[in-house]
Amino acid sequence: MSGLTHAARDVGADPMKCPCCGRSFSTTKMLQALFMAILRRIKDGDRVIVHNFGTFLPTVLKGREVRTPIMKGGKTRFEDRVVIRFRQSTVAKKYLNRQPELKRAKKGASGE
């Protein structure tokens, strides 16, 4: 699994130098701030579109009451909650599917 630090280092972007003043800064902190800004917009109910990558959509899951067999017929209540849905762009989809080294083997297709 790779995190922001690994991804930034892979492209040579951590640390970066400002072209104007020459100060170096951490791109991982900048990316974390960007993702927090995206989360704030989603929390406000807005869609966030990143062109050639995808769209982040807020979706409200309605609360419900379910029976739990562990509690011998007892009921558990789930409150309403907001989750993030992601819809990838066609550019991202084409990019991922044109590279055969990124495809994973299908389950059960071991070739034995």
N, C-alpha and C. Protein backbone atom coordinates (compact mmCIF):
# COMPACT_ATOMS: atom_id res chain seq x y z
N MET A 1 0.85 -1.17 0.00
CA MET A 1 0.00 0.00 0.00
C MET A 1 0.90 1.23 0.00
N SER A 2 0.48 2.22 -0.70
CA SER A 2 1.29 3.43 -0.82
C SER A 2 0.52 4.63 -0.28
N GLY A 3 1.24 5.50 0.40
CA GLY A 3 0.64 6.71 0.94
C GLY A 3 1.05 7.92 0.13
N LEU A 4 0.64 9.09 0.60
CA LEU A 4 0.97 10.33 -0.09
C LEU A 4 2.48 10.56 -0.17
N THR A 5 3.19 10.22 0.89
CA THR A 5 4.64 10.43 0.90
C THR A 5 5.30 9.59 -0.18
N HIS A 6 4.90 8.33 -0.29
CA HIS A 6 5.48 7.45 -1.31
C HIS A 6 5.14 7.93 -2.71
N ALA A 7 3.89 8.34 -2.92
CA ALA A 7 3.49 8.81 -4.25
C ALA A 7 4.25 10.07 -4.64
N ALA A 8 4.45 10.99 -3.69
CA ALA A 8 5.18 12.22 -3.98
C ALA A 8 6.65 11.93 -4.28
N ARG A 9 7.23 11.00 -3.54
CA ARG A 9 8.63 10.65 -3.79
C ARG A 9 8.80 9.94 -5.13
N ASP A 10 7.83 9.15 -5.53
CA ASP A 10 7.91 8.42 -6.81
C ASP A 10 8.05 9.37 -7.99
N VAL A 11 7.40 10.51 -7.92
CA VAL A 11 7.47 11.47 -9.03
C VAL A 11 8.50 12.57 -8.76
N GLY A 12 9.26 12.43 -7.69
CA GLY A 12 10.29 13.41 -7.37
C GLY A 12 9.76 14.73 -6.88
N ALA A 13 8.62 14.70 -6.21
CA ALA A 13 7.98 15.94 -5.78
C ALA A 13 8.06 16.19 -4.28
N ASP A 14 8.84 15.42 -3.54
CA ASP A 14 8.92 15.65 -2.12
C ASP A 14 10.37 15.62 -1.67
N PRO A 15 10.97 16.65 -1.20
CA PRO A 15 10.43 18.00 -1.09
C PRO A 15 10.57 18.75 -2.41
N MET A 16 9.78 19.80 -2.57
CA MET A 16 9.84 20.65 -3.76
C MET A 16 10.44 22.00 -3.38
N LYS A 17 11.01 22.65 -4.38
CA LYS A 17 11.55 24.00 -4.16
C LYS A 17 10.69 25.01 -4.90
N CYS A 18 10.42 26.11 -4.24
CA CYS A 18 9.67 27.20 -4.84
C CYS A 18 10.51 27.83 -5.94
N PRO A 19 9.93 28.01 -7.14
CA PRO A 19 10.71 28.62 -8.22
C PRO A 19 11.02 30.09 -7.97
N CYS A 20 10.26 30.75 -7.12
CA CYS A 20 10.48 32.18 -6.87
C CYS A 20 11.53 32.43 -5.80
N CYS A 21 11.36 31.81 -4.62
CA CYS A 21 12.26 32.13 -3.51
C CYS A 21 13.27 31.03 -3.21
N GLY A 22 13.07 29.84 -3.75
CA GLY A 22 14.03 28.76 -3.53
C GLY A 22 13.82 27.98 -2.25
N ARG A 23 12.81 28.35 -1.44
CA ARG A 23 12.52 27.60 -0.22
C ARG A 23 11.95 26.23 -0.57
N SER A 24 12.32 25.23 0.19
CA SER A 24 11.75 23.91 -0.04
C SER A 24 10.55 23.71 0.89
N PHE A 25 9.59 22.95 0.43
CA PHE A 25 8.40 22.68 1.23
C PHE A 25 7.95 21.26 0.96
N SER A 26 7.14 20.73 1.86
CA SER A 26 6.65 19.36 1.76
C SER A 26 5.37 19.31 0.94
N THR A 27 5.40 18.53 -0.12
CA THR A 27 4.19 18.39 -0.94
C THR A 27 3.15 17.55 -0.22
N THR A 28 3.57 16.65 0.68
CA THR A 28 2.58 15.84 1.37
C THR A 28 1.68 16.69 2.25
N LYS A 29 2.24 17.72 2.90
CA LYS A 29 1.40 18.63 3.70
C LYS A 29 0.44 19.41 2.82
N MET A 30 0.93 19.80 1.64
CA MET A 30 0.07 20.53 0.71
C MET A 30 -1.07 19.63 0.22
N LEU A 31 -0.76 18.37 -0.10
CA LEU A 31 -1.80 17.45 -0.56
C LEU A 31 -2.80 17.14 0.55
N GLN A 32 -2.33 17.00 1.78
CA GLN A 32 -3.24 16.77 2.89
C GLN A 32 -4.18 17.96 3.08
N ALA A 33 -3.67 19.16 2.93
CA ALA A 33 -4.51 20.35 3.03
C ALA A 33 -5.53 20.38 1.89
N LEU A 34 -5.11 19.96 0.69
CA LEU A 34 -6.03 19.90 -0.45
C LEU A 34 -7.15 18.91 -0.19
N PHE A 35 -6.81 17.73 0.33
CA PHE A 35 -7.85 16.73 0.61
C PHE A 35 -8.79 17.19 1.71
N MET A 36 -8.27 17.91 2.70
CA MET A 36 -9.15 18.45 3.75
C MET A 36 -10.10 19.49 3.17
N ALA A 37 -9.62 20.28 2.21
CA ALA A 37 -10.49 21.26 1.55
C ALA A 37 -11.58 20.53 0.75
N ILE A 38 -11.21 19.43 0.10
CA ILE A 38 -12.21 18.63 -0.63
C ILE A 38 -13.24 18.08 0.34
N LEU A 39 -12.79 17.57 1.48
CA LEU A 39 -13.73 17.03 2.47
C LEU A 39 -14.68 18.10 3.01
N ARG A 40 -14.16 19.32 3.23
CA ARG A 40 -15.04 20.40 3.70
C ARG A 40 -16.11 20.72 2.66
N ARG A 41 -15.74 20.74 1.37
CA ARG A 41 -16.73 21.01 0.32
C ARG A 41 -17.79 19.90 0.26
N ILE A 42 -17.35 18.66 0.40
CA ILE A 42 -18.28 17.53 0.38
C ILE A 42 -19.21 17.59 1.58
N LYS A 43 -18.67 17.96 2.74
CA LYS A 43 -19.49 18.07 3.96
C LYS A 43 -20.57 19.13 3.78
N ASP A 44 -20.27 20.19 3.02
CA ASP A 44 -21.25 21.23 2.74
C ASP A 44 -22.27 20.81 1.69
N GLY A 45 -22.09 19.61 1.10
CA GLY A 45 -23.05 19.10 0.13
C GLY A 45 -22.68 19.36 -1.32
N ASP A 46 -21.48 19.85 -1.57
CA ASP A 46 -21.05 20.14 -2.95
C ASP A 46 -20.37 18.94 -3.58
N ARG A 47 -20.44 18.87 -4.91
CA ARG A 47 -19.65 17.89 -5.66
C ARG A 47 -18.30 18.53 -5.94
N VAL A 48 -17.26 17.71 -5.93
CA VAL A 48 -15.92 18.20 -6.24
C VAL A 48 -15.44 17.45 -7.47
N ILE A 49 -15.17 18.21 -8.54
CA ILE A 49 -14.75 17.62 -9.80
C ILE A 49 -13.26 17.89 -10.00
N VAL A 50 -12.49 16.83 -10.21
CA VAL A 50 -11.07 16.95 -10.55
C VAL A 50 -10.97 16.47 -12.00
N HIS A 51 -10.77 17.40 -12.91
CA HIS A 51 -10.80 17.06 -14.33
C HIS A 51 -9.74 16.01 -14.67
N ASN A 52 -10.10 15.10 -15.54
CA ASN A 52 -9.28 13.98 -15.98
C ASN A 52 -8.96 12.99 -14.86
N PHE A 53 -9.63 13.11 -13.73
CA PHE A 53 -9.44 12.16 -12.63
C PHE A 53 -10.76 11.58 -12.18
N GLY A 54 -11.71 12.44 -11.77
CA GLY A 54 -13.00 11.94 -11.33
C GLY A 54 -13.77 12.96 -10.52
N THR A 55 -14.92 12.51 -10.00
CA THR A 55 -15.82 13.36 -9.24
C THR A 55 -16.08 12.74 -7.88
N PHE A 56 -15.97 13.54 -6.83
CA PHE A 56 -16.31 13.12 -5.48
C PHE A 56 -17.73 13.62 -5.19
N LEU A 57 -18.61 12.71 -4.79
CA LEU A 57 -20.01 13.05 -4.56
C LEU A 57 -20.41 12.70 -3.13
N PRO A 58 -21.09 13.61 -2.42
CA PRO A 58 -21.62 13.24 -1.11
C PRO A 58 -22.92 12.47 -1.27
N THR A 59 -23.07 11.40 -0.51
CA THR A 59 -24.28 10.61 -0.56
C THR A 59 -24.75 10.39 0.88
N VAL A 60 -26.03 10.60 1.13
CA VAL A 60 -26.57 10.41 2.47
C VAL A 60 -27.19 9.02 2.55
N LEU A 61 -26.70 8.22 3.49
CA LEU A 61 -27.29 6.92 3.75
C LEU A 61 -28.31 7.10 4.88
N LYS A 62 -29.53 6.71 4.62
CA LYS A 62 -30.61 6.89 5.59
C LYS A 62 -30.42 5.95 6.77
N GLY A 63 -30.78 6.43 7.94
CA GLY A 63 -30.71 5.62 9.15
C GLY A 63 -31.74 4.51 9.09
N ARG A 64 -31.45 3.44 9.80
CA ARG A 64 -32.38 2.31 9.81
C ARG A 64 -32.23 1.56 11.12
N GLU A 65 -33.19 0.72 11.39
CA GLU A 65 -33.16 -0.10 12.59
C GLU A 65 -33.11 -1.55 12.14
N VAL A 66 -32.14 -2.30 12.65
CA VAL A 66 -31.97 -3.70 12.25
C VAL A 66 -32.00 -4.59 13.48
N ARG A 67 -32.39 -5.83 13.25
CA ARG A 67 -32.38 -6.82 14.32
C ARG A 67 -31.02 -7.49 14.36
N THR A 68 -30.51 -7.70 15.56
CA THR A 68 -29.22 -8.34 15.71
C THR A 68 -29.38 -9.68 16.40
N PRO A 69 -28.93 -10.76 15.76
CA PRO A 69 -29.07 -12.09 16.37
C PRO A 69 -28.18 -12.25 17.61
N ILE A 70 -27.13 -11.48 17.73
CA ILE A 70 -26.23 -11.59 18.89
C ILE A 70 -26.96 -11.17 20.16
N MET A 71 -27.84 -10.16 20.03
CA MET A 71 -28.56 -9.65 21.20
C MET A 71 -29.89 -10.38 21.39
N LYS A 72 -30.08 -11.51 20.73
CA LYS A 72 -31.29 -12.35 20.86
C LYS A 72 -32.56 -11.55 20.60
N GLY A 73 -32.65 -11.03 19.40
CA GLY A 73 -33.85 -10.31 19.00
C GLY A 73 -33.81 -8.83 19.29
N GLY A 74 -32.74 -8.35 19.85
CA GLY A 74 -32.62 -6.92 20.12
C GLY A 74 -32.46 -6.14 18.82
N LYS A 75 -32.66 -4.87 18.89
CA LYS A 75 -32.56 -4.04 17.69
C LYS A 75 -31.46 -3.01 17.87
N THR A 76 -30.82 -2.69 16.75
CA THR A 76 -29.77 -1.68 16.73
C THR A 76 -30.18 -0.60 15.76
N ARG A 77 -29.95 0.63 16.14
CA ARG A 77 -30.32 1.78 15.30
C ARG A 77 -29.08 2.38 14.67
N PHE A 78 -29.11 2.55 13.36
CA PHE A 78 -28.05 3.25 12.64
C PHE A 78 -28.57 4.62 12.26
N GLU A 79 -27.82 5.65 12.58
CA GLU A 79 -28.22 7.03 12.27
C GLU A 79 -27.91 7.35 10.80
N ASP A 80 -28.49 8.46 10.32
CA ASP A 80 -28.15 8.95 8.98
C ASP A 80 -26.66 9.30 8.96
N ARG A 81 -26.02 9.06 7.80
CA ARG A 81 -24.62 9.42 7.68
C ARG A 81 -24.29 9.77 6.25
N VAL A 82 -23.24 10.54 6.10
CA VAL A 82 -22.78 10.96 4.78
C VAL A 82 -21.55 10.15 4.42
N VAL A 83 -21.55 9.59 3.21
CA VAL A 83 -20.38 8.87 2.71
C VAL A 83 -19.96 9.52 1.39
N ILE A 84 -18.72 9.27 1.01
CA ILE A 84 -18.20 9.82 -0.24
C ILE A 84 -18.28 8.75 -1.32
N ARG A 85 -18.87 9.11 -2.43
CA ARG A 85 -18.86 8.27 -3.62
C ARG A 85 -17.87 8.88 -4.59
N PHE A 86 -17.18 8.03 -5.33
CA PHE A 86 -16.21 8.51 -6.31
C PHE A 86 -16.57 7.92 -7.66
N ARG A 87 -16.67 8.78 -8.65
CA ARG A 87 -16.92 8.34 -10.03
C ARG A 87 -15.72 8.76 -10.86
N GLN A 88 -14.99 7.76 -11.38
CA GLN A 88 -13.79 8.09 -12.14
C GLN A 88 -14.15 8.65 -13.51
N SER A 89 -13.26 9.48 -14.04
CA SER A 89 -13.50 10.07 -15.35
C SER A 89 -13.16 9.05 -16.43
N THR A 90 -13.63 9.32 -17.64
CA THR A 90 -13.33 8.41 -18.75
C THR A 90 -11.85 8.43 -19.08
N VAL A 91 -11.18 9.56 -18.88
CA VAL A 91 -9.74 9.64 -19.13
C VAL A 91 -8.99 8.71 -18.17
N ALA A 92 -9.36 8.74 -16.89
CA ALA A 92 -8.72 7.87 -15.91
C ALA A 92 -9.02 6.41 -16.20
N LYS A 93 -10.24 6.12 -16.59
CA LYS A 93 -10.62 4.75 -16.89
C LYS A 93 -9.83 4.21 -18.09
N LYS A 94 -9.69 5.02 -19.12
CA LYS A 94 -8.91 4.59 -20.29
C LYS A 94 -7.45 4.40 -19.93
N TYR A 95 -6.91 5.28 -19.11
CA TYR A 95 -5.51 5.17 -18.71
C TYR A 95 -5.27 3.88 -17.94
N LEU A 96 -6.14 3.57 -16.99
CA LEU A 96 -5.96 2.37 -16.18
C LEU A 96 -6.12 1.09 -16.99
N ASN A 97 -6.98 1.11 -17.98
CA ASN A 97 -7.26 -0.10 -18.75
C ASN A 97 -6.33 -0.31 -19.92
N ARG A 98 -5.53 0.68 -20.31
CA ARG A 98 -4.63 0.49 -21.44
C ARG A 98 -3.27 -0.04 -21.01
N GLN A 99 -3.03 -0.12 -19.71
CA GLN A 99 -1.75 -0.57 -19.22
C GLN A 99 -1.87 -2.01 -18.71
N PRO A 100 -1.40 -2.99 -19.48
CA PRO A 100 -1.58 -4.39 -19.08
C PRO A 100 -0.86 -4.75 -17.78
N GLU A 101 0.23 -4.07 -17.42
CA GLU A 101 0.94 -4.42 -16.19
C GLU A 101 0.16 -4.05 -14.94
N LEU A 102 -0.86 -3.20 -15.05
CA LEU A 102 -1.66 -2.82 -13.89
C LEU A 102 -2.86 -3.73 -13.67
N LYS A 103 -3.19 -4.54 -14.65
CA LYS A 103 -4.35 -5.42 -14.51
C LYS A 103 -4.04 -6.53 -13.55
N ARG A 104 -5.02 -6.90 -12.77
CA ARG A 104 -4.85 -7.97 -11.80
C ARG A 104 -5.48 -9.25 -12.35
N ALA A 105 -4.99 -10.37 -11.91
CA ALA A 105 -5.53 -11.65 -12.34
C ALA A 105 -6.93 -11.82 -11.75
N LYS A 106 -7.81 -12.41 -12.55
CA LYS A 106 -9.17 -12.64 -12.07
C LYS A 106 -9.16 -13.79 -11.07
N LYS A 107 -10.07 -13.76 -10.13
CA LYS A 107 -10.15 -14.82 -9.13
C LYS A 107 -10.53 -16.12 -9.80
N GLY A 108 -9.87 -17.19 -9.43
CA GLY A 108 -10.18 -18.50 -9.99
C GLY A 108 -9.49 -18.77 -11.31
N ALA A 109 -8.83 -17.80 -11.91
CA ALA A 109 -8.17 -18.00 -13.19
C ALA A 109 -6.67 -18.17 -12.95
N SER A 110 -6.30 -19.30 -12.34
CA SER A 110 -4.91 -19.52 -11.99
C SER A 110 -4.11 -20.12 -13.13
N GLY A 111 -4.77 -20.64 -14.17
CA GLY A 111 -4.08 -21.19 -15.32
C GLY A 111 -3.48 -22.55 -15.08
N GLU A 112 -3.98 -23.28 -14.08
CA GLU A 112 -3.45 -24.61 -13.77
C GLU A 112 -4.15 -25.65 -14.57
